[in-house]
Amino acid sequence: IAAGTYALNLDGFRGAVLQMIAHG
């Protein structure tokens, strides 16, 4: 999730947030 966030693109941010919720 952190790696996706640091990719600095919209897909990285969106995927990170989706995965945060799913992982929770």
mmCIF file of all heavy atoms, coordinates in Angstrom:
data_MODEL
# 
_entry.id   MODEL 
# 
loop_
_atom_site.group_PDB 
_atom_site.id 
_atom_site.type_symbol 
_atom_site.label_atom_id 
_atom_site.label_alt_id 
_atom_site.label_comp_id 
_atom_site.label_asym_id 
_atom_site.label_entity_id 
_atom_site.label_seq_id 
_atom_site.pdbx_PDB_ins_code 
_atom_site.Cartn_x 
_atom_site.Cartn_y 
_atom_site.Cartn_z 
_atom_site.occupancy 
_atom_site.B_iso_or_equiv 
_atom_site.pdbx_formal_charge 
_atom_site.auth_seq_id 
_atom_site.auth_comp_id 
_atom_site.auth_asym_id 
_atom_site.auth_atom_id 
_atom_site.pdbx_PDB_model_num 
ATOM 1   N N   . ILE A 1 1  ? 0.840   -1.203 0.000   1.00 0.00 ? 1  ILE A N   1 
ATOM 2   C CA  . ILE A 1 1  ? 0.000   0.000  0.000   1.00 0.00 ? 1  ILE A CA  1 
ATOM 3   C C   . ILE A 1 1  ? 0.873   1.250  0.000   1.00 0.00 ? 1  ILE A C   1 
ATOM 4   O O   . ILE A 1 1  ? 0.635   2.197  -0.759  1.00 0.00 ? 1  ILE A O   1 
ATOM 5   C CB  . ILE A 1 1  ? -0.949  0.011  1.214   1.00 0.00 ? 1  ILE A CB  1 
ATOM 6   C CG1 . ILE A 1 1  ? -1.924  -1.166 1.146   1.00 0.00 ? 1  ILE A CG1 1 
ATOM 7   C CG2 . ILE A 1 1  ? -1.718  1.328  1.280   1.00 0.00 ? 1  ILE A CG2 1 
ATOM 8   C CD1 . ILE A 1 1  ? -2.750  -1.363 2.403   1.00 0.00 ? 1  ILE A CD1 1 
ATOM 9   N N   . ALA A 1 2  ? 1.911   1.258  0.845   1.00 0.00 ? 2  ALA A N   1 
ATOM 10  C CA  . ALA A 1 2  ? 2.812   2.405  0.911   1.00 0.00 ? 2  ALA A CA  1 
ATOM 11  C C   . ALA A 1 2  ? 3.546   2.611  -0.414  1.00 0.00 ? 2  ALA A C   1 
ATOM 12  O O   . ALA A 1 2  ? 3.702   3.750  -0.882  1.00 0.00 ? 2  ALA A O   1 
ATOM 13  C CB  . ALA A 1 2  ? 3.820   2.219  2.042   1.00 0.00 ? 2  ALA A CB  1 
ATOM 14  N N   . ALA A 1 3  ? 3.970   1.517  -1.046  1.00 0.00 ? 3  ALA A N   1 
ATOM 15  C CA  . ALA A 1 3  ? 4.643   1.618  -2.338  1.00 0.00 ? 3  ALA A CA  1 
ATOM 16  C C   . ALA A 1 3  ? 3.732   2.259  -3.374  1.00 0.00 ? 3  ALA A C   1 
ATOM 17  O O   . ALA A 1 3  ? 4.164   3.119  -4.154  1.00 0.00 ? 3  ALA A O   1 
ATOM 18  C CB  . ALA A 1 3  ? 5.091   0.230  -2.800  1.00 0.00 ? 3  ALA A CB  1 
ATOM 19  N N   . GLY A 1 4  ? 2.459   1.867  -3.381  1.00 0.00 ? 4  GLY A N   1 
ATOM 20  C CA  . GLY A 1 4  ? 1.506   2.464  -4.306  1.00 0.00 ? 4  GLY A CA  1 
ATOM 21  C C   . GLY A 1 4  ? 1.312   3.949  -4.053  1.00 0.00 ? 4  GLY A C   1 
ATOM 22  O O   . GLY A 1 4  ? 1.205   4.750  -4.988  1.00 0.00 ? 4  GLY A O   1 
ATOM 23  N N   . THR A 1 5  ? 1.296   4.322  -2.781  1.00 0.00 ? 5  THR A N   1 
ATOM 24  C CA  . THR A 1 5  ? 1.145   5.735  -2.421  1.00 0.00 ? 5  THR A CA  1 
ATOM 25  C C   . THR A 1 5  ? 2.311   6.562  -2.940  1.00 0.00 ? 5  THR A C   1 
ATOM 26  O O   . THR A 1 5  ? 2.132   7.649  -3.499  1.00 0.00 ? 5  THR A O   1 
ATOM 27  C CB  . THR A 1 5  ? 1.039   5.878  -0.888  1.00 0.00 ? 5  THR A CB  1 
ATOM 28  O OG1 . THR A 1 5  ? -0.073  5.121  -0.421  1.00 0.00 ? 5  THR A OG1 1 
ATOM 29  C CG2 . THR A 1 5  ? 0.860   7.327  -0.495  1.00 0.00 ? 5  THR A CG2 1 
ATOM 30  N N   . TYR A 1 6  ? 3.533   6.060  -2.776  1.00 0.00 ? 6  TYR A N   1 
ATOM 31  C CA  . TYR A 1 6  ? 4.727   6.798  -3.193  1.00 0.00 ? 6  TYR A CA  1 
ATOM 32  C C   . TYR A 1 6  ? 4.930   6.787  -4.706  1.00 0.00 ? 6  TYR A C   1 
ATOM 33  O O   . TYR A 1 6  ? 5.846   7.435  -5.209  1.00 0.00 ? 6  TYR A O   1 
ATOM 34  C CB  . TYR A 1 6  ? 5.965   6.248  -2.489  1.00 0.00 ? 6  TYR A CB  1 
ATOM 35  C CG  . TYR A 1 6  ? 6.073   6.682  -1.048  1.00 0.00 ? 6  TYR A CG  1 
ATOM 36  C CD1 . TYR A 1 6  ? 6.056   5.757  -0.014  1.00 0.00 ? 6  TYR A CD1 1 
ATOM 37  C CD2 . TYR A 1 6  ? 6.189   8.029  -0.715  1.00 0.00 ? 6  TYR A CD2 1 
ATOM 38  C CE1 . TYR A 1 6  ? 6.149   6.153  1.318   1.00 0.00 ? 6  TYR A CE1 1 
ATOM 39  C CE2 . TYR A 1 6  ? 6.282   8.444  0.598   1.00 0.00 ? 6  TYR A CE2 1 
ATOM 40  C CZ  . TYR A 1 6  ? 6.259   7.507  1.617   1.00 0.00 ? 6  TYR A CZ  1 
ATOM 41  O OH  . TYR A 1 6  ? 6.349   7.911  2.924   1.00 0.00 ? 6  TYR A OH  1 
ATOM 42  N N   . ALA A 1 7  ? 4.085   6.041  -5.444  1.00 0.00 ? 7  ALA A N   1 
ATOM 43  C CA  . ALA A 1 7  ? 4.157   6.083  -6.904  1.00 0.00 ? 7  ALA A CA  1 
ATOM 44  C C   . ALA A 1 7  ? 3.714   7.434  -7.459  1.00 0.00 ? 7  ALA A C   1 
ATOM 45  O O   . ALA A 1 7  ? 3.995   7.768  -8.622  1.00 0.00 ? 7  ALA A O   1 
ATOM 46  C CB  . ALA A 1 7  ? 3.311   4.966  -7.512  1.00 0.00 ? 7  ALA A CB  1 
ATOM 47  N N   . LEU A 1 8  ? 3.000   8.211  -6.655  1.00 0.00 ? 8  LEU A N   1 
ATOM 48  C CA  . LEU A 1 8  ? 2.611   9.582  -6.994  1.00 0.00 ? 8  LEU A CA  1 
ATOM 49  C C   . LEU A 1 8  ? 1.780   9.675  -8.277  1.00 0.00 ? 8  LEU A C   1 
ATOM 50  O O   . LEU A 1 8  ? 1.968   10.581 -9.092  1.00 0.00 ? 8  LEU A O   1 
ATOM 51  C CB  . LEU A 1 8  ? 3.850   10.489 -7.102  1.00 0.00 ? 8  LEU A CB  1 
ATOM 52  C CG  . LEU A 1 8  ? 4.705   10.635 -5.840  1.00 0.00 ? 8  LEU A CG  1 
ATOM 53  C CD1 . LEU A 1 8  ? 5.888   11.553 -6.104  1.00 0.00 ? 8  LEU A CD1 1 
ATOM 54  C CD2 . LEU A 1 8  ? 3.873   11.158 -4.678  1.00 0.00 ? 8  LEU A CD2 1 
ATOM 55  N N   . ASN A 1 9  ? 0.890   8.728  -8.461  1.00 0.00 ? 9  ASN A N   1 
ATOM 56  C CA  . ASN A 1 9  ? -0.063  8.844  -9.564  1.00 0.00 ? 9  ASN A CA  1 
ATOM 57  C C   . ASN A 1 9  ? -1.454  8.500  -9.041  1.00 0.00 ? 9  ASN A C   1 
ATOM 58  O O   . ASN A 1 9  ? -1.596  7.959  -7.940  1.00 0.00 ? 9  ASN A O   1 
ATOM 59  C CB  . ASN A 1 9  ? 0.333   7.969  -10.752 1.00 0.00 ? 9  ASN A CB  1 
ATOM 60  C CG  . ASN A 1 9  ? 0.545   6.512  -10.381 1.00 0.00 ? 9  ASN A CG  1 
ATOM 61  O OD1 . ASN A 1 9  ? -0.253  5.926  -9.649  1.00 0.00 ? 9  ASN A OD1 1 
ATOM 62  N ND2 . ASN A 1 9  ? 1.637   5.912  -10.873 1.00 0.00 ? 9  ASN A ND2 1 
ATOM 63  N N   . LEU A 1 10 ? -2.464  8.821  -9.823  1.00 0.00 ? 10 LEU A N   1 
ATOM 64  C CA  . LEU A 1 10 ? -3.842  8.660  -9.358  1.00 0.00 ? 10 LEU A CA  1 
ATOM 65  C C   . LEU A 1 10 ? -4.172  7.194  -9.068  1.00 0.00 ? 10 LEU A C   1 
ATOM 66  O O   . LEU A 1 10 ? -4.845  6.892  -8.083  1.00 0.00 ? 10 LEU A O   1 
ATOM 67  C CB  . LEU A 1 10 ? -4.818  9.230  -10.385 1.00 0.00 ? 10 LEU A CB  1 
ATOM 68  C CG  . LEU A 1 10 ? -6.302  9.185  -9.999  1.00 0.00 ? 10 LEU A CG  1 
ATOM 69  C CD1 . LEU A 1 10 ? -6.551  9.959  -8.711  1.00 0.00 ? 10 LEU A CD1 1 
ATOM 70  C CD2 . LEU A 1 10 ? -7.168  9.737  -11.135 1.00 0.00 ? 10 LEU A CD2 1 
ATOM 71  N N   . ASP A 1 11 ? -3.704  6.301  -9.914  1.00 0.00 ? 11 ASP A N   1 
ATOM 72  C CA  . ASP A 1 11 ? -3.969  4.879  -9.684  1.00 0.00 ? 11 ASP A CA  1 
ATOM 73  C C   . ASP A 1 11 ? -3.321  4.398  -8.385  1.00 0.00 ? 11 ASP A C   1 
ATOM 74  O O   . ASP A 1 11 ? -3.891  3.564  -7.677  1.00 0.00 ? 11 ASP A O   1 
ATOM 75  C CB  . ASP A 1 11 ? -3.462  4.039  -10.861 1.00 0.00 ? 11 ASP A CB  1 
ATOM 76  C CG  . ASP A 1 11 ? -4.323  4.202  -12.100 1.00 0.00 ? 11 ASP A CG  1 
ATOM 77  O OD1 . ASP A 1 11 ? -5.559  4.139  -11.963 1.00 0.00 ? 11 ASP A OD1 1 
ATOM 78  O OD2 . ASP A 1 11 ? -3.779  4.417  -13.192 1.00 0.00 ? 11 ASP A OD2 1 
ATOM 79  N N   . GLY A 1 12 ? -2.138  4.909  -8.083  1.00 0.00 ? 12 GLY A N   1 
ATOM 80  C CA  . GLY A 1 12 ? -1.469  4.538  -6.838  1.00 0.00 ? 12 GLY A CA  1 
ATOM 81  C C   . GLY A 1 12 ? -2.255  4.998  -5.630  1.00 0.00 ? 12 GLY A C   1 
ATOM 82  O O   . GLY A 1 12 ? -2.448  4.239  -4.673  1.00 0.00 ? 12 GLY A O   1 
ATOM 83  N N   . PHE A 1 13 ? -2.702  6.256  -5.661  1.00 0.00 ? 13 PHE A N   1 
ATOM 84  C CA  . PHE A 1 13 ? -3.509  6.777  -4.550  1.00 0.00 ? 13 PHE A CA  1 
ATOM 85  C C   . PHE A 1 13 ? -4.819  6.014  -4.414  1.00 0.00 ? 13 PHE A C   1 
ATOM 86  O O   . PHE A 1 13 ? -5.210  5.608  -3.324  1.00 0.00 ? 13 PHE A O   1 
ATOM 87  C CB  . PHE A 1 13 ? -3.814  8.260  -4.783  1.00 0.00 ? 13 PHE A CB  1 
ATOM 88  C CG  . PHE A 1 13 ? -2.689  9.194  -4.440  1.00 0.00 ? 13 PHE A CG  1 
ATOM 89  C CD1 . PHE A 1 13 ? -1.447  8.713  -4.047  1.00 0.00 ? 13 PHE A CD1 1 
ATOM 90  C CD2 . PHE A 1 13 ? -2.849  10.562 -4.502  1.00 0.00 ? 13 PHE A CD2 1 
ATOM 91  C CE1 . PHE A 1 13 ? -0.411  9.563  -3.731  1.00 0.00 ? 13 PHE A CE1 1 
ATOM 92  C CE2 . PHE A 1 13 ? -1.822  11.432 -4.189  1.00 0.00 ? 13 PHE A CE2 1 
ATOM 93  C CZ  . PHE A 1 13 ? -0.601  10.940 -3.804  1.00 0.00 ? 13 PHE A CZ  1 
ATOM 94  N N   . ARG A 1 14 ? -5.497  5.822  -5.541  1.00 0.00 ? 14 ARG A N   1 
ATOM 95  C CA  . ARG A 1 14 ? -6.800  5.166  -5.506  1.00 0.00 ? 14 ARG A CA  1 
ATOM 96  C C   . ARG A 1 14 ? -6.659  3.709  -5.045  1.00 0.00 ? 14 ARG A C   1 
ATOM 97  O O   . ARG A 1 14 ? -7.426  3.233  -4.212  1.00 0.00 ? 14 ARG A O   1 
ATOM 98  C CB  . ARG A 1 14 ? -7.451  5.244  -6.884  1.00 0.00 ? 14 ARG A CB  1 
ATOM 99  C CG  . ARG A 1 14 ? -8.880  4.744  -6.943  1.00 0.00 ? 14 ARG A CG  1 
ATOM 100 C CD  . ARG A 1 14 ? -9.604  5.303  -8.145  1.00 0.00 ? 14 ARG A CD  1 
ATOM 101 N NE  . ARG A 1 14 ? -8.788  5.225  -9.355  1.00 0.00 ? 14 ARG A NE  1 
ATOM 102 C CZ  . ARG A 1 14 ? -8.942  6.028  -10.406 1.00 0.00 ? 14 ARG A CZ  1 
ATOM 103 N NH1 . ARG A 1 14 ? -9.872  6.962  -10.387 1.00 0.00 ? 14 ARG A NH1 1 
ATOM 104 N NH2 . ARG A 1 14 ? -8.183  5.901  -11.473 1.00 0.00 ? 14 ARG A NH2 1 
ATOM 105 N N   . GLY A 1 15 ? -5.679  3.011  -5.599  1.00 0.00 ? 15 GLY A N   1 
ATOM 106 C CA  . GLY A 1 15 ? -5.446  1.627  -5.192  1.00 0.00 ? 15 GLY A CA  1 
ATOM 107 C C   . GLY A 1 15 ? -5.076  1.517  -3.737  1.00 0.00 ? 15 GLY A C   1 
ATOM 108 O O   . GLY A 1 15 ? -5.507  0.588  -3.034  1.00 0.00 ? 15 GLY A O   1 
ATOM 109 N N   . ALA A 1 16 ? -4.266  2.478  -3.250  1.00 0.00 ? 16 ALA A N   1 
ATOM 110 C CA  . ALA A 1 16 ? -3.857  2.455  -1.843  1.00 0.00 ? 16 ALA A CA  1 
ATOM 111 C C   . ALA A 1 16 ? -5.057  2.608  -0.922  1.00 0.00 ? 16 ALA A C   1 
ATOM 112 O O   . ALA A 1 16 ? -5.188  1.884  0.073   1.00 0.00 ? 16 ALA A O   1 
ATOM 113 C CB  . ALA A 1 16 ? -2.839  3.564  -1.579  1.00 0.00 ? 16 ALA A CB  1 
ATOM 114 N N   . VAL A 1 17 ? -5.962  3.539  -1.234  1.00 0.00 ? 17 VAL A N   1 
ATOM 115 C CA  . VAL A 1 17 ? -7.133  3.761  -0.379  1.00 0.00 ? 17 VAL A CA  1 
ATOM 116 C C   . VAL A 1 17 ? -8.073  2.558  -0.432  1.00 0.00 ? 17 VAL A C   1 
ATOM 117 O O   . VAL A 1 17 ? -8.590  2.104  0.603   1.00 0.00 ? 17 VAL A O   1 
ATOM 118 C CB  . VAL A 1 17 ? -7.879  5.048  -0.793  1.00 0.00 ? 17 VAL A CB  1 
ATOM 119 C CG1 . VAL A 1 17 ? -9.138  5.226  0.046   1.00 0.00 ? 17 VAL A CG1 1 
ATOM 120 C CG2 . VAL A 1 17 ? -6.974  6.268  -0.626  1.00 0.00 ? 17 VAL A CG2 1 
ATOM 121 N N   . LEU A 1 18 ? -8.283  2.017  -1.636  1.00 0.00 ? 18 LEU A N   1 
ATOM 122 C CA  . LEU A 1 18 ? -9.121  0.818  -1.751  1.00 0.00 ? 18 LEU A CA  1 
ATOM 123 C C   . LEU A 1 18 ? -8.540  -0.343 -0.952  1.00 0.00 ? 18 LEU A C   1 
ATOM 124 O O   . LEU A 1 18 ? -9.254  -1.068 -0.255  1.00 0.00 ? 18 LEU A O   1 
ATOM 125 C CB  . LEU A 1 18 ? -9.256  0.416  -3.223  1.00 0.00 ? 18 LEU A CB  1 
ATOM 126 C CG  . LEU A 1 18 ? -10.107 1.338  -4.107  1.00 0.00 ? 18 LEU A CG  1 
ATOM 127 C CD1 . LEU A 1 18 ? -9.939  0.965  -5.575  1.00 0.00 ? 18 LEU A CD1 1 
ATOM 128 C CD2 . LEU A 1 18 ? -11.566 1.293  -3.708  1.00 0.00 ? 18 LEU A CD2 1 
ATOM 129 N N   . GLN A 1 19 ? -7.219  -0.492 -1.036  1.00 0.00 ? 19 GLN A N   1 
ATOM 130 C CA  . GLN A 1 19 ? -6.578  -1.586 -0.319  1.00 0.00 ? 19 GLN A CA  1 
ATOM 131 C C   . GLN A 1 19 ? -6.557  -1.338 1.190   1.00 0.00 ? 19 GLN A C   1 
ATOM 132 O O   . GLN A 1 19 ? -6.627  -2.281 1.977   1.00 0.00 ? 19 GLN A O   1 
ATOM 133 C CB  . GLN A 1 19 ? -5.161  -1.793 -0.850  1.00 0.00 ? 19 GLN A CB  1 
ATOM 134 C CG  . GLN A 1 19 ? -4.426  -2.995 -0.286  1.00 0.00 ? 19 GLN A CG  1 
ATOM 135 C CD  . GLN A 1 19 ? -5.095  -4.330 -0.617  1.00 0.00 ? 19 GLN A CD  1 
ATOM 136 O OE1 . GLN A 1 19 ? -6.154  -4.371 -1.246  1.00 0.00 ? 19 GLN A OE1 1 
ATOM 137 N NE2 . GLN A 1 19 ? -4.491  -5.418 -0.186  1.00 0.00 ? 19 GLN A NE2 1 
ATOM 138 N N   . MET A 1 20 ? -6.473  -0.080 1.612   1.00 0.00 ? 20 MET A N   1 
ATOM 139 C CA  . MET A 1 20 ? -6.578  0.235  3.047   1.00 0.00 ? 20 MET A CA  1 
ATOM 140 C C   . MET A 1 20 ? -7.898  -0.282 3.606   1.00 0.00 ? 20 MET A C   1 
ATOM 141 O O   . MET A 1 20 ? -7.940  -0.920 4.663   1.00 0.00 ? 20 MET A O   1 
ATOM 142 C CB  . MET A 1 20 ? -6.530  1.756  3.271   1.00 0.00 ? 20 MET A CB  1 
ATOM 143 C CG  . MET A 1 20 ? -5.186  2.403  3.249   1.00 0.00 ? 20 MET A CG  1 
ATOM 144 S SD  . MET A 1 20 ? -5.389  4.150  3.686   1.00 0.00 ? 20 MET A SD  1 
ATOM 145 C CE  . MET A 1 20 ? -4.416  4.941  2.416   1.00 0.00 ? 20 MET A CE  1 
ATOM 146 N N   . ILE A 1 21 ? -8.974  0.017  2.897   1.00 0.00 ? 21 ILE A N   1 
ATOM 147 C CA  . ILE A 1 21 ? -10.303 -0.377 3.371   1.00 0.00 ? 21 ILE A CA  1 
ATOM 148 C C   . ILE A 1 21 ? -10.450 -1.895 3.334   1.00 0.00 ? 21 ILE A C   1 
ATOM 149 O O   . ILE A 1 21 ? -10.913 -2.521 4.299   1.00 0.00 ? 21 ILE A O   1 
ATOM 150 C CB  . ILE A 1 21 ? -11.389 0.307  2.524   1.00 0.00 ? 21 ILE A CB  1 
ATOM 151 C CG1 . ILE A 1 21 ? -11.267 1.831  2.624   1.00 0.00 ? 21 ILE A CG1 1 
ATOM 152 C CG2 . ILE A 1 21 ? -12.777 -0.131 2.978   1.00 0.00 ? 21 ILE A CG2 1 
ATOM 153 C CD1 . ILE A 1 21 ? -12.122 2.599  1.637   1.00 0.00 ? 21 ILE A CD1 1 
ATOM 154 N N   . ALA A 1 22 ? -10.046 -2.501 2.213   1.00 0.00 ? 22 ALA A N   1 
ATOM 155 C CA  . ALA A 1 22 ? -10.142 -3.957 2.085   1.00 0.00 ? 22 ALA A CA  1 
ATOM 156 C C   . ALA A 1 22 ? -9.293  -4.662 3.134   1.00 0.00 ? 22 ALA A C   1 
ATOM 157 O O   . ALA A 1 22 ? -9.735  -5.616 3.777   1.00 0.00 ? 22 ALA A O   1 
ATOM 158 C CB  . ALA A 1 22 ? -9.703  -4.379 0.681   1.00 0.00 ? 22 ALA A CB  1 
ATOM 159 N N   . HIS A 1 23 ? -8.067  -4.171 3.318   1.00 0.00 ? 23 HIS A N   1 
ATOM 160 C CA  . HIS A 1 23 ? -7.173  -4.776 4.311   1.00 0.00 ? 23 HIS A CA  1 
ATOM 161 C C   . HIS A 1 23 ? -7.758  -4.643 5.706   1.00 0.00 ? 23 HIS A C   1 
ATOM 162 O O   . HIS A 1 23 ? -7.647  -5.565 6.526   1.00 0.00 ? 23 HIS A O   1 
ATOM 163 C CB  . HIS A 1 23 ? -5.793  -4.102 4.248   1.00 0.00 ? 23 HIS A CB  1 
ATOM 164 C CG  . HIS A 1 23 ? -4.837  -4.585 5.287   1.00 0.00 ? 23 HIS A CG  1 
ATOM 165 N ND1 . HIS A 1 23 ? -4.690  -3.951 6.511   1.00 0.00 ? 23 HIS A ND1 1 
ATOM 166 C CD2 . HIS A 1 23 ? -3.978  -5.635 5.314   1.00 0.00 ? 23 HIS A CD2 1 
ATOM 167 C CE1 . HIS A 1 23 ? -3.783  -4.592 7.227   1.00 0.00 ? 23 HIS A CE1 1 
ATOM 168 N NE2 . HIS A 1 23 ? -3.335  -5.614 6.531   1.00 0.00 ? 23 HIS A NE2 1 
ATOM 169 N N   . GLY A 1 24 ? -8.397  -3.506 5.990   1.00 0.00 ? 24 GLY A N   1 
ATOM 170 C CA  . GLY A 1 24 ? -9.006  -3.316 7.305   1.00 0.00 ? 24 GLY A CA  1 
ATOM 171 C C   . GLY A 1 24 ? -10.004 -4.414 7.625   1.00 0.00 ? 24 GLY A C   1 
ATOM 172 O O   . GLY A 1 24 ? -9.979  -4.995 8.714   1.00 0.00 ? 24 GLY A O   1 
# 
